[in-house]
């Protein structure tokens, strides 16, 4: 299993193969079968946008 995947519903990165579903990969926490790839770099994540906005507001206030 790929390490760079997370569950779309709960954000967990632990998956199991469910035998009752024919080996389909499901989340071990919530049981969802939908997952997405993690952002590969920090620049693509939304955290960078929030940090940039916070720094800009901080500079404007000072």
N, C-alpha and C. Protein backbone atom coordinates (compact mmCIF):
# COMPACT_ATOMS: atom_id res chain seq x y z
N UNK A 1 0.84 -1.17 0.00
CA UNK A 1 0.00 0.00 0.00
C UNK A 1 0.89 1.24 0.00
N UNK A 2 0.39 2.26 -0.66
CA UNK A 2 1.12 3.51 -0.77
C UNK A 2 1.00 4.31 0.52
N UNK A 3 2.09 4.92 0.93
CA UNK A 3 2.10 5.69 2.17
C UNK A 3 1.48 7.06 1.97
N UNK A 4 1.43 7.55 0.74
CA UNK A 4 0.99 8.93 0.52
C UNK A 4 -0.51 9.05 0.29
N UNK A 5 -1.31 8.13 0.82
CA UNK A 5 -2.76 8.22 0.68
C UNK A 5 -3.40 8.43 2.05
N UNK A 6 -4.48 9.20 2.04
CA UNK A 6 -5.25 9.44 3.26
C UNK A 6 -6.73 9.23 2.95
N UNK A 7 -7.48 8.90 3.98
CA UNK A 7 -8.92 8.70 3.84
C UNK A 7 -9.60 10.04 3.55
N UNK A 8 -10.53 10.03 2.62
CA UNK A 8 -11.22 11.26 2.25
C UNK A 8 -12.17 11.73 3.35
N UNK A 9 -12.72 10.79 4.13
CA UNK A 9 -13.69 11.15 5.18
C UNK A 9 -13.04 11.58 6.48
N UNK A 10 -12.11 10.75 7.00
CA UNK A 10 -11.59 11.03 8.34
C UNK A 10 -10.13 11.49 8.34
N UNK A 11 -9.40 11.37 7.24
CA UNK A 11 -8.03 11.82 7.18
C UNK A 11 -7.01 10.82 7.68
N UNK A 12 -7.43 9.63 8.00
CA UNK A 12 -6.52 8.60 8.50
C UNK A 12 -5.66 8.05 7.37
N UNK A 13 -4.46 7.59 7.71
CA UNK A 13 -3.59 7.00 6.70
C UNK A 13 -3.41 5.50 6.90
N UNK A 14 -4.29 4.88 7.70
CA UNK A 14 -4.20 3.44 7.91
C UNK A 14 -5.33 2.74 7.16
N UNK A 15 -4.98 1.85 6.25
CA UNK A 15 -5.93 1.15 5.41
C UNK A 15 -5.75 -0.35 5.58
N UNK A 16 -6.82 -1.09 5.34
CA UNK A 16 -6.79 -2.54 5.39
C UNK A 16 -7.51 -3.08 4.16
N UNK A 17 -7.22 -4.31 3.82
CA UNK A 17 -7.88 -4.99 2.73
C UNK A 17 -9.05 -5.77 3.29
N UNK A 18 -10.26 -5.42 2.88
CA UNK A 18 -11.47 -6.06 3.41
C UNK A 18 -11.78 -7.31 2.59
N UNK A 19 -11.72 -8.45 3.22
CA UNK A 19 -11.93 -9.71 2.53
C UNK A 19 -13.38 -9.88 2.08
N UNK A 20 -14.31 -9.32 2.81
CA UNK A 20 -15.72 -9.47 2.43
C UNK A 20 -16.07 -8.66 1.19
N UNK A 21 -15.27 -7.67 0.87
CA UNK A 21 -15.49 -6.86 -0.33
C UNK A 21 -14.58 -7.27 -1.48
N UNK A 22 -14.02 -8.45 -1.39
CA UNK A 22 -13.16 -8.94 -2.47
C UNK A 22 -11.77 -8.34 -2.46
N UNK A 23 -11.28 -7.97 -1.30
CA UNK A 23 -9.94 -7.41 -1.18
C UNK A 23 -9.86 -5.93 -1.42
N UNK A 24 -10.99 -5.25 -1.44
CA UNK A 24 -10.99 -3.81 -1.67
C UNK A 24 -10.36 -3.10 -0.48
N UNK A 25 -9.57 -2.08 -0.74
CA UNK A 25 -8.89 -1.32 0.30
C UNK A 25 -9.89 -0.38 0.96
N UNK A 26 -9.99 -0.44 2.29
CA UNK A 26 -10.88 0.43 3.05
C UNK A 26 -10.11 1.03 4.22
N UNK A 27 -10.62 2.13 4.74
CA UNK A 27 -10.03 2.79 5.90
C UNK A 27 -10.27 1.92 7.13
N UNK A 28 -9.26 1.78 7.96
CA UNK A 28 -9.42 0.94 9.15
C UNK A 28 -10.17 1.66 10.26
N UNK A 29 -10.29 2.98 10.21
CA UNK A 29 -10.99 3.72 11.25
C UNK A 29 -12.47 3.91 10.93
N UNK A 30 -12.79 4.37 9.72
CA UNK A 30 -14.19 4.68 9.42
C UNK A 30 -14.82 3.71 8.42
N UNK A 31 -14.03 2.88 7.74
CA UNK A 31 -14.57 1.90 6.81
C UNK A 31 -14.86 2.44 5.42
N UNK A 32 -14.47 3.66 5.15
CA UNK A 32 -14.72 4.26 3.85
C UNK A 32 -13.75 3.70 2.81
N UNK A 33 -14.20 3.61 1.57
CA UNK A 33 -13.32 3.12 0.51
C UNK A 33 -12.83 4.26 -0.38
N UNK A 34 -13.13 5.49 -0.01
CA UNK A 34 -12.66 6.63 -0.80
C UNK A 34 -11.44 7.24 -0.12
N UNK A 35 -10.38 7.44 -0.90
CA UNK A 35 -9.18 8.04 -0.36
C UNK A 35 -8.56 8.94 -1.41
N UNK A 36 -7.65 9.79 -0.96
CA UNK A 36 -7.00 10.74 -1.85
C UNK A 36 -5.52 10.74 -1.55
N UNK A 37 -4.74 11.31 -2.43
CA UNK A 37 -3.30 11.43 -2.24
C UNK A 37 -3.00 12.64 -1.39
N UNK A 38 -1.99 12.50 -0.54
CA UNK A 38 -1.52 13.63 0.27
C UNK A 38 -0.82 14.62 -0.65
N UNK A 39 -0.82 15.88 -0.29
CA UNK A 39 -0.01 16.83 -1.04
C UNK A 39 1.46 16.44 -0.91
N UNK A 40 2.17 16.45 -2.03
CA UNK A 40 3.55 15.98 -2.01
C UNK A 40 4.51 16.98 -1.40
N UNK A 41 4.16 18.25 -1.40
CA UNK A 41 5.05 19.24 -0.82
C UNK A 41 4.27 20.21 0.06
N UNK A 42 5.00 20.90 0.90
CA UNK A 42 4.39 21.87 1.80
C UNK A 42 3.81 23.04 1.03
N UNK A 43 4.38 23.37 -0.13
CA UNK A 43 3.91 24.50 -0.92
C UNK A 43 2.51 24.26 -1.49
N UNK A 44 2.12 23.02 -1.68
CA UNK A 44 0.82 22.72 -2.24
C UNK A 44 -0.27 22.62 -1.19
N UNK A 45 0.11 22.61 0.05
CA UNK A 45 -0.89 22.45 1.10
C UNK A 45 -1.56 23.77 1.43
N UNK A 46 -2.71 23.69 2.07
CA UNK A 46 -3.45 24.89 2.44
C UNK A 46 -2.83 25.60 3.63
N UNK A 47 -1.98 24.91 4.36
CA UNK A 47 -1.36 25.52 5.53
C UNK A 47 -0.49 26.71 5.12
N UNK A 48 0.16 26.61 3.98
CA UNK A 48 1.01 27.70 3.51
C UNK A 48 0.19 28.96 3.27
N UNK A 49 -1.00 28.80 2.71
CA UNK A 49 -1.85 29.96 2.44
C UNK A 49 -2.26 30.63 3.74
N UNK A 50 -2.65 29.84 4.74
CA UNK A 50 -3.05 30.41 6.02
C UNK A 50 -1.87 31.09 6.72
N UNK A 51 -0.69 30.51 6.63
CA UNK A 51 0.50 31.12 7.24
C UNK A 51 0.83 32.43 6.54
N UNK A 52 0.73 32.46 5.22
CA UNK A 52 1.02 33.68 4.48
C UNK A 52 0.02 34.79 4.83
N UNK A 53 -1.25 34.44 4.96
CA UNK A 53 -2.25 35.42 5.33
C UNK A 53 -2.00 35.94 6.75
N UNK A 54 -1.65 35.04 7.66
CA UNK A 54 -1.38 35.44 9.05
C UNK A 54 -0.17 36.37 9.11
N UNK A 55 0.86 36.08 8.36
CA UNK A 55 2.06 36.95 8.36
C UNK A 55 1.72 38.31 7.77
N UNK A 56 0.94 38.32 6.67
CA UNK A 56 0.56 39.59 6.05
C UNK A 56 -0.27 40.44 7.01
N UNK A 57 -1.21 39.83 7.72
CA UNK A 57 -2.02 40.58 8.69
C UNK A 57 -1.15 41.09 9.82
N UNK A 58 -0.21 40.29 10.29
CA UNK A 58 0.70 40.69 11.35
C UNK A 58 1.54 41.88 10.93
N UNK A 59 2.04 41.87 9.69
CA UNK A 59 2.86 42.98 9.20
C UNK A 59 2.01 44.23 9.04
N UNK A 60 0.79 44.10 8.58
CA UNK A 60 -0.09 45.26 8.42
C UNK A 60 -0.44 45.89 9.77
N UNK A 61 -0.66 45.06 10.79
CA UNK A 61 -1.01 45.57 12.11
C UNK A 61 0.16 46.31 12.72
N UNK A 62 1.36 45.83 12.51
CA UNK A 62 2.55 46.48 13.07
C UNK A 62 2.92 47.61 12.17
